[in-house]
């Protein structure tokens, strides 16, 4: 067995995403390993919900701020229709199940759309087909209005992440929550994430850059908090000791943005 100290989740420093892509290996999140993991997470979480029990902590670590932020946003919602949430990169909907655990009447008050890669969309539609839950899937960002956009641990995998945030803002949400973001007081750089048989291009971002993009499209940062969790058996601090200090982040963060009043 490989010892944790000999295993590095991320390796290499690249000036941009395209350079990291040249060394990428495997199917990453389109492969069978991720789909198997995503299905297990959704099945286990749903089973706990149906038993009236809490979702396992491991499946909640990316969503520690999510239910509370959605609850706050819904308090200011005055339109007589269901609250619309767009979950970009939401896998098989564990984010929705976290809302269902925490927010009363989630099933009757929230419409939930997940945007994912084709392989995940196909499995998602099959998984939710007979569950009678207001969860739907799409390969493309909708062109209709959404009230809340959630990106949970996803923008680090998007090559043109700035343009992606701009595209998401076109759904005109009142709030955008970027969860589990790999950012801080650093210069943005790309690396490779070791994920079983794959090596996936992965951004480490300047928080200032993220804020500048959101400000430019009419949003302001109103809340942030540190995200902690377990990755490859390592708790809390990100295991980045193989990087020079100027590249290291201690933890990921949750960033909540609100649309500025005109």
Protein backbone atom coordinates (compact mmCIF):
# COMPACT_ATOMS: atom_id res chain seq x y z
CA UNK A 1 0.00 0.00 0.00
CA UNK A 2 1.24 3.48 -0.84
CA UNK A 3 1.88 5.50 2.29
CA UNK A 4 0.09 8.84 2.54
CA UNK A 5 3.39 10.72 2.86
CA UNK A 6 4.49 9.21 -0.49
CA UNK A 7 1.23 10.02 -2.24
CA UNK A 8 0.59 13.48 -3.64
CA UNK A 9 -2.91 14.51 -4.69
CA UNK A 10 -1.53 17.29 -6.89
CA UNK A 11 1.78 17.36 -8.73
CA UNK A 12 3.45 19.91 -10.94
CA UNK A 13 3.16 23.65 -11.50
CA UNK A 14 2.00 24.83 -14.92
CA UNK A 15 1.62 28.39 -16.12
CA UNK A 16 -1.82 27.70 -17.56
CA UNK A 17 -4.48 25.01 -17.92
CA UNK A 18 -3.59 24.19 -21.52
CA UNK A 19 -0.03 23.31 -20.50
CA UNK A 20 -1.35 20.96 -17.80
CA UNK A 21 -3.73 19.38 -20.30
CA UNK A 22 -0.75 18.21 -22.36
CA UNK A 23 0.20 15.90 -19.47
CA UNK A 24 -3.36 14.78 -18.58
CA UNK A 25 -4.14 11.05 -18.42
CA UNK A 26 -7.42 9.11 -18.38
CA UNK A 27 -11.11 9.99 -18.50
CA UNK A 28 -11.30 11.76 -15.15
CA UNK A 29 -14.87 12.61 -14.18
CA UNK A 30 -16.25 11.01 -17.34
CA UNK A 31 -14.76 7.66 -16.38
CA UNK A 32 -16.20 4.66 -14.57
CA UNK A 33 -14.34 5.33 -11.30
CA UNK A 34 -16.01 8.70 -10.74
CA UNK A 35 -19.43 7.46 -11.86
CA UNK A 36 -19.23 4.52 -9.45
CA UNK A 37 -18.28 6.89 -6.61
CA UNK A 38 -21.02 9.38 -7.52
CA UNK A 39 -23.70 6.68 -7.60
CA UNK A 40 -22.62 5.35 -4.21
CA UNK A 41 -22.72 8.87 -2.71
CA UNK A 42 -26.22 9.50 -4.07
CA UNK A 43 -27.57 6.09 -3.01
CA UNK A 44 -26.09 6.31 0.50
CA UNK A 45 -27.34 9.88 0.99
CA UNK A 46 -30.83 9.06 -0.26
CA UNK A 47 -30.99 5.98 1.98
CA UNK A 48 -30.22 8.11 5.04
CA UNK A 49 -32.82 10.70 4.05
CA UNK A 50 -35.46 7.99 3.67
CA UNK A 51 -34.58 6.63 7.13
CA UNK A 52 -34.78 10.07 8.72
CA UNK A 53 -31.07 9.99 9.48
CA UNK A 54 -28.21 12.35 8.69
CA UNK A 55 -26.24 12.05 5.49
CA UNK A 56 -22.73 10.67 6.23
CA UNK A 57 -20.29 13.46 7.04
CA UNK A 58 -17.95 12.49 4.21
CA UNK A 59 -20.68 13.35 1.68
CA UNK A 60 -21.43 16.70 3.34
CA UNK A 61 -18.01 18.31 3.53
CA UNK A 62 -18.41 20.24 0.25
CA UNK A 63 -21.82 21.53 1.30
CA UNK A 64 -21.18 22.89 4.79
CA UNK A 65 -22.43 26.39 3.88
CA UNK A 66 -24.84 25.43 1.12
CA UNK A 67 -28.14 24.68 2.91
CA UNK A 68 -27.78 27.72 5.19
CA UNK A 69 -27.07 30.05 2.26
CA UNK A 70 -30.01 28.72 0.27
CA UNK A 71 -32.25 29.17 3.33
CA UNK A 72 -31.13 32.79 3.68
CA UNK A 73 -31.74 33.45 -0.01
CA UNK A 74 -35.20 31.91 0.16
CA UNK A 75 -36.14 34.21 3.06
CA UNK A 76 -35.88 37.20 0.71
CA UNK A 77 -37.78 35.42 -2.05
CA UNK A 78 -41.15 37.10 -2.60
CA UNK A 79 -42.35 35.59 -5.90
CA UNK A 80 -45.21 33.10 -5.83
CA UNK A 81 -43.38 30.27 -7.59
CA UNK A 82 -40.85 27.66 -6.61
CA UNK A 83 -37.30 28.76 -5.81
CA UNK A 84 -35.04 27.77 -8.72
CA UNK A 85 -31.54 26.42 -8.02
CA UNK A 86 -28.95 25.70 -10.70
CA UNK A 87 -26.20 23.30 -9.59
CA UNK A 88 -23.31 23.47 -12.05
CA UNK A 89 -21.22 20.29 -11.90
CA UNK A 90 -23.57 18.81 -9.30
CA UNK A 91 -22.88 15.14 -9.98
CA UNK A 92 -25.85 12.94 -9.11
CA UNK A 93 -27.48 15.47 -6.81
CA UNK A 94 -25.94 14.99 -3.38
CA UNK A 95 -26.22 18.78 -3.06
CA UNK A 96 -29.98 18.56 -3.46
CA UNK A 97 -30.18 15.77 -0.89
CA UNK A 98 -28.25 17.97 1.55
CA UNK A 99 -30.89 20.66 1.05
CA UNK A 100 -33.63 18.12 1.62
CA UNK A 101 -32.03 17.08 4.89
CA UNK A 102 -31.74 20.65 6.18
CA UNK A 103 -34.55 22.75 4.67
CA UNK A 104 -38.20 21.97 5.49
CA UNK A 105 -40.48 21.49 2.47
CA UNK A 106 -37.56 21.30 0.02
CA UNK A 107 -39.53 18.98 -2.26
CA UNK A 108 -42.43 21.39 -2.57
CA UNK A 109 -40.54 24.69 -2.60
CA UNK A 110 -37.39 24.16 -4.72
CA UNK A 111 -36.87 23.27 -8.39
CA UNK A 112 -33.39 21.86 -8.89
CA UNK A 113 -31.44 21.70 -12.16
CA UNK A 114 -28.05 19.99 -12.45
CA UNK A 115 -25.69 20.76 -15.35
CA UNK A 116 -23.17 17.99 -15.97
CA UNK A 117 -21.16 16.12 -18.59
CA UNK A 118 -23.16 13.72 -20.82
CA UNK A 119 -22.16 10.53 -18.96
CA UNK A 120 -23.30 11.93 -15.60
CA UNK A 121 -26.51 13.37 -17.10
CA UNK A 122 -27.46 9.94 -18.45
CA UNK A 123 -26.92 8.27 -15.08
CA UNK A 124 -28.66 11.11 -13.23
CA UNK A 125 -31.82 10.87 -15.31
CA UNK A 126 -31.93 7.14 -14.69
CA UNK A 127 -31.30 7.48 -10.94
CA UNK A 128 -34.07 10.05 -10.36
CA UNK A 129 -36.57 8.62 -12.86
CA UNK A 130 -38.93 7.07 -10.31
CA UNK A 131 -38.09 9.08 -7.19
CA UNK A 132 -40.70 11.82 -7.68
CA UNK A 133 -38.20 14.52 -6.76
CA UNK A 134 -37.99 17.94 -8.50
CA UNK A 135 -34.48 17.27 -9.84
CA UNK A 136 -33.62 17.50 -13.54
CA UNK A 137 -30.42 17.27 -15.58
CA UNK A 138 -28.96 19.07 -18.58
CA UNK A 139 -25.71 19.09 -20.51
CA UNK A 140 -26.06 22.83 -21.13
CA UNK A 141 -26.61 25.92 -19.01
CA UNK A 142 -30.29 26.90 -19.30
CA UNK A 143 -31.24 30.25 -20.80
CA UNK A 144 -33.98 30.91 -18.26
CA UNK A 145 -33.93 32.73 -14.93
CA UNK A 146 -32.55 30.98 -11.84
CA UNK A 147 -32.57 32.38 -8.33
CA UNK A 148 -29.46 30.68 -6.94
CA UNK A 149 -26.42 29.25 -8.72
CA UNK A 150 -24.20 26.75 -6.91
CA UNK A 151 -20.78 25.58 -8.10
CA UNK A 152 -19.52 23.03 -5.60
CA UNK A 153 -15.83 22.14 -5.99
CA UNK A 154 -15.97 22.57 -9.75
CA UNK A 155 -14.43 25.75 -11.18
CA UNK A 156 -10.91 24.42 -10.57
CA UNK A 157 -11.59 21.90 -13.36
CA UNK A 158 -12.83 24.45 -15.90
CA UNK A 159 -10.24 25.57 -18.43
CA UNK A 160 -11.92 28.90 -19.18
CA UNK A 161 -13.36 29.39 -15.69
CA UNK A 162 -13.81 33.15 -16.06
CA UNK A 163 -15.99 32.76 -19.14
CA UNK A 164 -17.88 29.95 -17.42
CA UNK A 165 -18.82 32.24 -14.52
CA UNK A 166 -19.97 34.86 -17.01
CA UNK A 167 -22.15 32.26 -18.76
CA UNK A 168 -23.67 31.16 -15.46
CA UNK A 169 -24.46 34.77 -14.57
CA UNK A 170 -26.64 34.97 -17.68
CA UNK A 171 -29.26 32.95 -15.78
CA UNK A 172 -29.60 36.17 -13.74
CA UNK A 173 -29.32 34.63 -10.25
CA UNK A 174 -29.63 36.75 -7.14
CA UNK A 175 -26.90 34.67 -5.50
CA UNK A 176 -23.88 32.70 -6.69
CA UNK A 177 -22.21 30.34 -4.24
CA UNK A 178 -18.79 28.99 -5.15
CA UNK A 179 -18.22 26.10 -2.78
CA UNK A 180 -14.94 24.42 -1.89
CA UNK A 181 -12.89 26.78 -4.06
CA UNK A 182 -9.15 26.22 -4.36
CA UNK A 183 -8.16 29.86 -4.07
CA UNK A 184 -6.32 32.30 -1.85
CA UNK A 185 -3.68 35.01 -1.79
CA UNK A 186 -1.63 33.41 -4.56
CA UNK A 187 -0.93 33.83 -8.25
CA UNK A 188 -3.15 31.49 -10.26
CA UNK A 189 -1.46 28.36 -11.57
CA UNK A 190 -2.45 24.94 -12.88
CA UNK A 191 -1.45 21.50 -11.67
CA UNK A 192 -2.42 17.86 -12.18
CA UNK A 193 -4.66 16.01 -9.75
CA UNK A 194 -4.01 12.31 -9.29
CA UNK A 195 -7.40 10.63 -9.36
CA UNK A 196 -7.08 6.84 -9.44
CA UNK A 197 -6.13 6.00 -13.04
CA UNK A 198 -6.38 9.62 -14.20
CA UNK A 199 -4.35 12.82 -14.00
CA UNK A 200 -6.77 15.74 -14.20
CA UNK A 201 -5.82 19.38 -14.96
CA UNK A 202 -6.65 21.48 -11.90
CA UNK A 203 -6.50 25.22 -11.20
CA UNK A 204 -5.28 26.84 -7.99
CA UNK A 205 -6.70 30.33 -8.24
CA UNK A 206 -6.12 33.85 -7.03
CA UNK A 207 -9.15 34.86 -4.93
CA UNK A 208 -8.65 38.42 -6.11
CA UNK A 209 -9.09 37.27 -9.71
CA UNK A 210 -12.31 35.48 -8.85
CA UNK A 211 -13.71 38.53 -7.09
CA UNK A 212 -12.73 40.80 -9.98
CA UNK A 213 -14.65 38.61 -12.44
CA UNK A 214 -17.78 38.54 -10.29
CA UNK A 215 -17.62 42.30 -9.64
CA UNK A 216 -17.32 42.95 -13.38
CA UNK A 217 -20.63 41.17 -13.99
CA UNK A 218 -22.50 42.87 -11.17
CA UNK A 219 -21.91 40.74 -8.05
CA UNK A 220 -20.26 41.43 -4.71
CA UNK A 221 -18.77 39.06 -2.15
CA UNK A 222 -20.97 39.05 0.97
CA UNK A 223 -19.72 35.99 2.84
CA UNK A 224 -16.77 33.64 2.94
CA UNK A 225 -15.64 30.86 5.23
CA UNK A 226 -13.01 28.15 5.24
CA UNK A 227 -13.89 24.71 4.00
CA UNK A 228 -12.31 21.76 5.74
CA UNK A 229 -12.60 18.11 4.97
CA UNK A 230 -10.83 14.82 4.31
CA UNK A 231 -8.95 14.18 1.07
CA UNK A 232 -7.09 10.90 0.61
CA UNK A 233 -7.22 10.38 4.37
CA UNK A 234 -5.73 13.79 5.12
CA UNK A 235 -7.90 15.98 7.33
CA UNK A 236 -8.29 19.78 7.29
CA UNK A 237 -5.12 21.37 5.82
CA UNK A 238 -4.62 20.72 2.11
CA UNK A 239 -1.75 18.24 1.61
CA UNK A 240 0.46 20.46 -0.54
CA UNK A 241 3.84 19.97 1.16
CA UNK A 242 5.32 18.89 -2.18
CA UNK A 243 4.79 22.48 -3.44
CA UNK A 244 6.92 25.52 -2.70
CA UNK A 245 5.37 27.75 -0.01
CA UNK A 246 4.30 30.43 -2.48
CA UNK A 247 1.99 27.91 -4.16
CA UNK A 248 0.41 26.36 -1.07
CA UNK A 249 -3.11 26.89 0.22
CA UNK A 250 -4.05 25.93 3.75
CA UNK A 251 -7.69 25.18 2.88
CA UNK A 252 -10.38 25.75 0.32
CA UNK A 253 -13.10 28.37 0.85
CA UNK A 254 -16.81 28.94 0.28
CA UNK A 255 -17.57 32.27 -1.40
CA UNK A 256 -21.10 33.71 -1.56
CA UNK A 257 -21.80 36.52 -4.02
CA UNK A 258 -24.96 38.61 -4.26
CA UNK A 259 -26.20 40.60 -7.22
CA UNK A 260 -25.69 44.31 -6.67
CA UNK A 261 -28.80 46.47 -6.47
CA UNK A 262 -29.18 48.77 -9.47
